[in-house]
N, C-alpha and C. Protein backbone atom coordinates (compact mmCIF):
# COMPACT_ATOMS: atom_id res chain seq x y z
N MET A 1 0.91 -0.99 -0.15
CA MET A 1 0.07 -0.07 0.05
C MET A 1 0.84 1.39 0.06
N ALA A 2 0.89 2.15 -0.82
CA ALA A 2 1.17 3.42 -0.72
C ALA A 2 1.34 4.20 0.23
N GLU A 3 1.87 5.06 0.57
CA GLU A 3 1.97 5.95 1.75
C GLU A 3 0.79 7.03 1.86
N TYR A 4 0.55 7.38 0.60
CA TYR A 4 -0.85 8.02 0.67
C TYR A 4 -1.98 7.56 0.90
N GLU A 5 -2.04 6.03 0.21
CA GLU A 5 -3.03 5.30 0.58
C GLU A 5 -3.46 5.19 2.24
N TYR A 6 -2.19 4.83 2.67
CA TYR A 6 -2.38 4.54 4.11
C TYR A 6 -2.69 5.76 5.09
N LYS A 7 -2.28 6.75 4.56
CA LYS A 7 -2.49 8.11 5.18
C LYS A 7 -4.08 8.56 4.74
N GLN A 8 -4.54 8.05 3.88
CA GLN A 8 -6.04 8.57 3.52
C GLN A 8 -6.97 7.57 4.20
N GLU A 9 -6.53 6.29 4.49
CA GLU A 9 -7.21 5.31 4.97
C GLU A 9 -7.51 5.88 6.88
N LEU A 10 -6.29 6.16 7.16
CA LEU A 10 -6.16 6.58 9.01
C LEU A 10 -7.07 7.80 8.83
N ALA A 11 -7.12 8.94 7.95
CA ALA A 11 -7.65 9.88 8.03
C ALA A 11 -9.32 9.74 7.88
N VAL A 12 -9.69 8.79 7.21
CA VAL A 12 -11.21 8.00 7.01
C VAL A 12 -11.45 7.60 8.40
N GLU A 13 -10.43 6.59 8.79
CA GLU A 13 -10.87 5.99 10.08
C GLU A 13 -11.14 6.87 11.15
N LEU A 14 -10.46 7.86 11.32
CA LEU A 14 -10.39 8.77 12.67
C LEU A 14 -11.51 9.72 12.34
N ALA A 15 -11.79 9.98 11.00
CA ALA A 15 -13.20 10.92 10.97
C ALA A 15 -14.47 10.13 11.35
N VAL A 16 -14.41 8.93 10.76
CA VAL A 16 -15.37 8.05 11.29
C VAL A 16 -15.63 8.12 12.59
N HIS A 17 -14.63 7.51 13.52
CA HIS A 17 -14.59 7.40 14.69
C HIS A 17 -15.02 8.51 15.65
N TRP A 18 -14.46 9.88 15.29
CA TRP A 18 -14.71 11.13 15.59
C TRP A 18 -16.20 11.33 15.48
N ALA A 19 -16.69 11.12 14.43
CA ALA A 19 -18.01 11.62 14.42
C ALA A 19 -19.11 10.57 14.94
N LYS A 20 -18.56 9.24 15.46
CA LYS A 20 -19.85 8.47 15.97
C LYS A 20 -19.65 8.68 17.73
N THR A 21 -18.12 8.93 18.08
CA THR A 21 -17.86 9.15 19.49
C THR A 21 -17.55 10.55 19.91
N GLY A 22 -17.07 11.28 18.91
CA GLY A 22 -16.83 12.45 19.59
C GLY A 22 -15.14 12.67 20.05
N LEU A 23 -14.75 11.45 20.08
CA LEU A 23 -13.25 11.26 20.34
C LEU A 23 -12.59 11.27 19.30
N ARG A 24 -11.16 11.71 19.85
CA ARG A 24 -9.87 11.69 19.05
C ARG A 24 -9.86 12.86 18.07
N GLN A 25 -10.62 13.87 18.09
CA GLN A 25 -10.61 15.13 17.13
C GLN A 25 -9.28 15.77 16.69
N PHE A 26 -8.42 15.92 17.65
CA PHE A 26 -6.87 16.25 17.31
C PHE A 26 -6.26 15.12 16.60
N SER A 27 -6.29 13.78 16.91
CA SER A 27 -6.13 13.08 16.05
C SER A 27 -6.37 12.99 14.40
N MET A 28 -7.80 13.10 14.55
CA MET A 28 -8.49 13.09 13.26
C MET A 28 -7.70 14.21 12.35
N ARG A 29 -7.67 15.45 13.10
CA ARG A 29 -6.97 16.61 12.30
C ARG A 29 -5.97 16.39 11.85
N ASP A 30 -4.90 16.01 12.63
CA ASP A 30 -3.52 15.68 12.19
C ASP A 30 -3.49 14.77 11.13
N ALA A 31 -4.37 13.57 11.27
CA ALA A 31 -4.30 12.60 10.13
C ALA A 31 -4.69 13.16 8.97
N VAL A 32 -5.65 14.30 8.75
CA VAL A 32 -6.36 14.83 7.47
C VAL A 32 -5.02 15.68 7.01
N ASN A 33 -4.64 16.39 8.10
CA ASN A 33 -3.30 17.14 7.36
C ASN A 33 -2.17 16.78 6.99
N ASP A 34 -1.88 15.43 7.64
CA ASP A 34 -0.92 14.67 6.91
C ASP A 34 -1.30 14.14 5.55
N TYR A 35 -2.43 13.75 5.49
CA TYR A 35 -2.91 13.25 4.30
C TYR A 35 -2.91 14.14 3.31
N MET A 36 -3.11 15.40 3.66
CA MET A 36 -3.10 16.96 2.52
C MET A 36 -1.60 17.08 2.08
N GLU A 37 -0.87 16.74 3.16
CA GLU A 37 0.68 17.02 2.78
C GLU A 37 0.99 16.03 1.88
N GLU A 38 0.89 14.77 2.30
CA GLU A 38 1.32 13.93 1.45
C GLU A 38 0.83 13.84 -0.07
N VAL A 39 -0.54 14.16 -0.44
CA VAL A 39 -0.93 14.22 -1.57
C VAL A 39 -0.36 15.36 -2.32
N GLY A 40 0.31 16.36 -1.73
CA GLY A 40 0.61 17.65 -2.35
C GLY A 40 -0.28 18.70 -2.40
N ALA A 41 -1.27 18.51 -1.65
CA ALA A 41 -2.31 19.75 -1.58
C ALA A 41 -1.72 21.08 -0.81
N ASN A 42 -0.68 21.29 -0.29
CA ASN A 42 -0.28 22.37 0.23
C ASN A 42 0.73 22.87 -0.75
N GLN A 43 1.20 22.36 -1.87
CA GLN A 43 2.05 22.87 -2.76
C GLN A 43 1.35 23.43 -3.87
N ALA A 44 1.06 25.05 -3.69
CA ALA A 44 0.58 25.80 -4.74
C ALA A 44 1.34 27.23 -4.82
N MET A 45 0.85 27.94 -5.91
CA MET A 45 1.68 29.14 -5.84
C MET A 45 1.03 30.42 -5.16
N THR A 46 -0.34 30.11 -5.10
CA THR A 46 -1.49 31.06 -3.87
C THR A 46 -1.92 30.29 -2.86
N ASP A 47 -2.18 31.48 -1.63
CA ASP A 47 -3.11 30.64 -0.66
C ASP A 47 -4.35 30.29 -1.13
N GLU A 48 -4.93 30.79 -2.07
CA GLU A 48 -6.35 30.62 -2.51
C GLU A 48 -6.19 29.10 -3.31
N SER A 49 -5.12 28.86 -3.84
CA SER A 49 -4.80 27.49 -4.61
C SER A 49 -4.67 26.30 -3.55
N ILE A 50 -3.93 26.87 -2.70
CA ILE A 50 -3.72 25.76 -1.45
C ILE A 50 -4.94 25.27 -0.84
N ILE A 51 -5.99 26.37 -0.46
CA ILE A 51 -7.07 26.06 0.19
C ILE A 51 -8.00 25.62 -0.65
N ASP A 52 -8.02 25.76 -2.03
CA ASP A 52 -8.96 24.76 -3.21
C ASP A 52 -8.48 23.26 -3.19
N ARG A 53 -7.04 23.24 -3.06
CA ARG A 53 -6.71 21.71 -3.17
C ARG A 53 -6.88 21.20 -2.03
N ARG A 54 -6.86 21.60 -1.01
CA ARG A 54 -7.25 21.08 0.59
C ARG A 54 -8.71 21.00 0.42
N ARG A 55 -9.39 21.66 0.11
CA ARG A 55 -11.09 21.47 -0.02
C ARG A 55 -11.33 20.03 -1.13
N ILE A 56 -10.66 19.94 -1.87
CA ILE A 56 -10.98 18.64 -2.97
C ILE A 56 -10.37 17.57 -2.01
N CYS A 57 -9.39 17.67 -1.27
CA CYS A 57 -9.07 16.24 -0.51
C CYS A 57 -10.16 16.28 0.78
N ALA A 58 -10.56 17.51 1.36
CA ALA A 58 -11.74 17.17 2.15
C ALA A 58 -12.73 16.69 1.30
N GLN A 59 -13.14 16.70 0.46
CA GLN A 59 -14.29 15.96 -0.33
C GLN A 59 -14.16 14.64 -0.59
N GLN A 60 -12.88 14.43 -0.87
CA GLN A 60 -12.56 13.11 -1.23
C GLN A 60 -12.34 12.14 0.10
N LEU A 61 -12.04 12.60 1.26
CA LEU A 61 -12.32 11.87 2.56
C LEU A 61 -13.81 11.87 2.92
N THR A 62 -14.48 12.93 2.49
CA THR A 62 -15.94 12.83 2.99
C THR A 62 -16.55 11.64 2.11
N ILE A 63 -16.29 11.46 0.89
CA ILE A 63 -16.61 10.51 0.11
C ILE A 63 -16.51 9.21 0.28
N LYS A 64 -15.26 8.97 0.84
CA LYS A 64 -14.76 7.53 1.50
C LYS A 64 -15.44 7.20 2.76
N SER A 65 -15.82 8.28 3.31
CA SER A 65 -16.70 8.01 4.73
C SER A 65 -18.16 7.82 4.66
N ILE A 66 -18.55 8.16 3.40
CA ILE A 66 -20.37 7.86 3.20
C ILE A 66 -20.73 6.75 3.84
N ALA A 67 -20.05 5.77 3.54
CA ALA A 67 -20.78 4.15 3.93
C ALA A 67 -20.67 3.73 5.33
N PHE A 68 -19.93 4.66 6.32
CA PHE A 68 -19.91 4.38 7.48
C PHE A 68 -20.70 5.13 8.23
N LEU A 69 -21.54 6.21 7.82
CA LEU A 69 -21.90 7.12 8.61
C LEU A 69 -23.29 7.19 8.45
N SER A 70 -24.15 7.83 9.36
CA SER A 70 -25.44 8.16 9.02
C SER A 70 -25.51 9.35 8.38
N LYS A 71 -26.63 9.81 8.06
CA LYS A 71 -26.59 11.40 7.59
C LYS A 71 -26.13 12.29 8.23
N ASP A 72 -26.36 12.55 9.41
CA ASP A 72 -25.88 13.40 10.44
C ASP A 72 -24.50 13.49 10.75
N GLU A 73 -23.93 12.07 11.09
CA GLU A 73 -22.83 12.03 11.14
C GLU A 73 -21.92 12.40 9.87
N LEU A 74 -22.38 11.95 8.66
CA LEU A 74 -21.67 12.50 7.41
C LEU A 74 -21.80 14.08 7.46
N HIS A 75 -22.86 14.74 7.81
CA HIS A 75 -22.80 16.17 7.64
C HIS A 75 -21.62 16.84 8.57
N LYS A 76 -21.83 16.28 9.92
CA LYS A 76 -20.88 16.50 10.90
C LYS A 76 -19.35 16.47 10.26
N VAL A 77 -18.74 15.19 9.59
CA VAL A 77 -17.49 15.10 9.12
C VAL A 77 -17.38 16.29 8.19
N GLU A 78 -18.57 16.19 7.11
CA GLU A 78 -18.05 16.84 6.09
C GLU A 78 -17.84 18.54 6.46
N GLN A 79 -18.48 18.96 7.47
CA GLN A 79 -18.26 20.35 7.85
C GLN A 79 -16.80 20.70 8.55
N GLU A 80 -16.56 19.58 9.38
CA GLU A 80 -15.13 19.44 9.92
C GLU A 80 -14.00 19.35 9.11
N LEU A 81 -14.04 18.56 8.14
CA LEU A 81 -13.10 18.46 7.09
C LEU A 81 -12.91 19.53 6.19
N LYS A 82 -14.17 20.35 5.95
CA LYS A 82 -14.09 21.81 5.21
C LYS A 82 -13.20 22.65 6.32
N ARG A 83 -13.77 22.77 7.40
CA ARG A 83 -13.01 23.71 8.44
C ARG A 83 -11.49 23.31 8.43
N ILE A 84 -11.19 22.08 8.54
CA ILE A 84 -9.65 21.64 8.36
C ILE A 84 -9.10 22.34 7.40
N ALA A 85 -9.67 22.02 6.10
CA ALA A 85 -9.07 22.32 4.85
C ALA A 85 -8.71 23.88 4.65
N GLU A 86 -9.72 24.71 5.16
CA GLU A 86 -9.57 26.08 5.33
C GLU A 86 -8.76 26.91 6.25
N ASP A 87 -8.94 26.22 7.48
CA ASP A 87 -8.43 26.99 8.77
C ASP A 87 -6.88 26.59 9.09
N ASP A 88 -6.49 25.22 8.69
CA ASP A 88 -5.25 24.68 8.81
C ASP A 88 -4.43 24.59 7.66
N ALA A 89 -4.83 25.63 6.49
CA ALA A 89 -4.04 25.42 5.32
C ALA A 89 -2.66 26.39 5.79
N PRO A 90 -1.53 26.07 5.18
CA PRO A 90 -0.43 26.85 5.49
C PRO A 90 -0.43 28.13 4.65
N LYS A 91 0.18 29.12 4.87
CA LYS A 91 0.14 30.39 4.11
C LYS A 91 1.49 30.53 3.25
N GLN A 92 1.56 31.30 2.57
CA GLN A 92 2.68 31.39 1.50
C GLN A 92 3.36 32.42 2.19
N GLN A 93 4.70 32.37 2.08
CA GLN A 93 5.55 33.38 2.53
C GLN A 93 5.84 34.58 1.46
N LEU A 94 5.37 35.73 2.10
CA LEU A 94 5.59 36.74 1.12
C LEU A 94 6.65 37.46 1.49
N GLY A 95 7.16 38.26 0.26
CA GLY A 95 8.40 39.12 0.78
C GLY A 95 9.72 38.57 0.32
N MET A 96 10.78 39.22 0.66
CA MET A 96 11.84 38.67 0.26
C MET A 96 12.77 37.87 1.30
N ARG A 97 13.48 37.20 0.98
CA ARG A 97 14.28 36.57 1.99
C ARG A 97 15.60 36.70 1.82
N ARG A 98 16.38 36.48 2.58
CA ARG A 98 17.77 37.15 2.68
C ARG A 98 18.56 35.61 2.88
């Protein structure tokens, strides 16, 4: 199994666990951010592009979670993954470096 597949599986597993129990939210967030880093979602020229790529990753993880969740749990996961995609996105460094 490729590294990105393992990280995707872990992120989905933790998102489902969090939606069902309310536990391990920070572990889920870390796993989601690790997955996004692994697939290159944080590699773009602008902050907007990074957020767009991270939103796509969040949608992919949400889709992978569908089979395991009720409608309400799925909505909860979808909203949390979107928040992670937007709020945890790294910012591009502007200005000159020495």
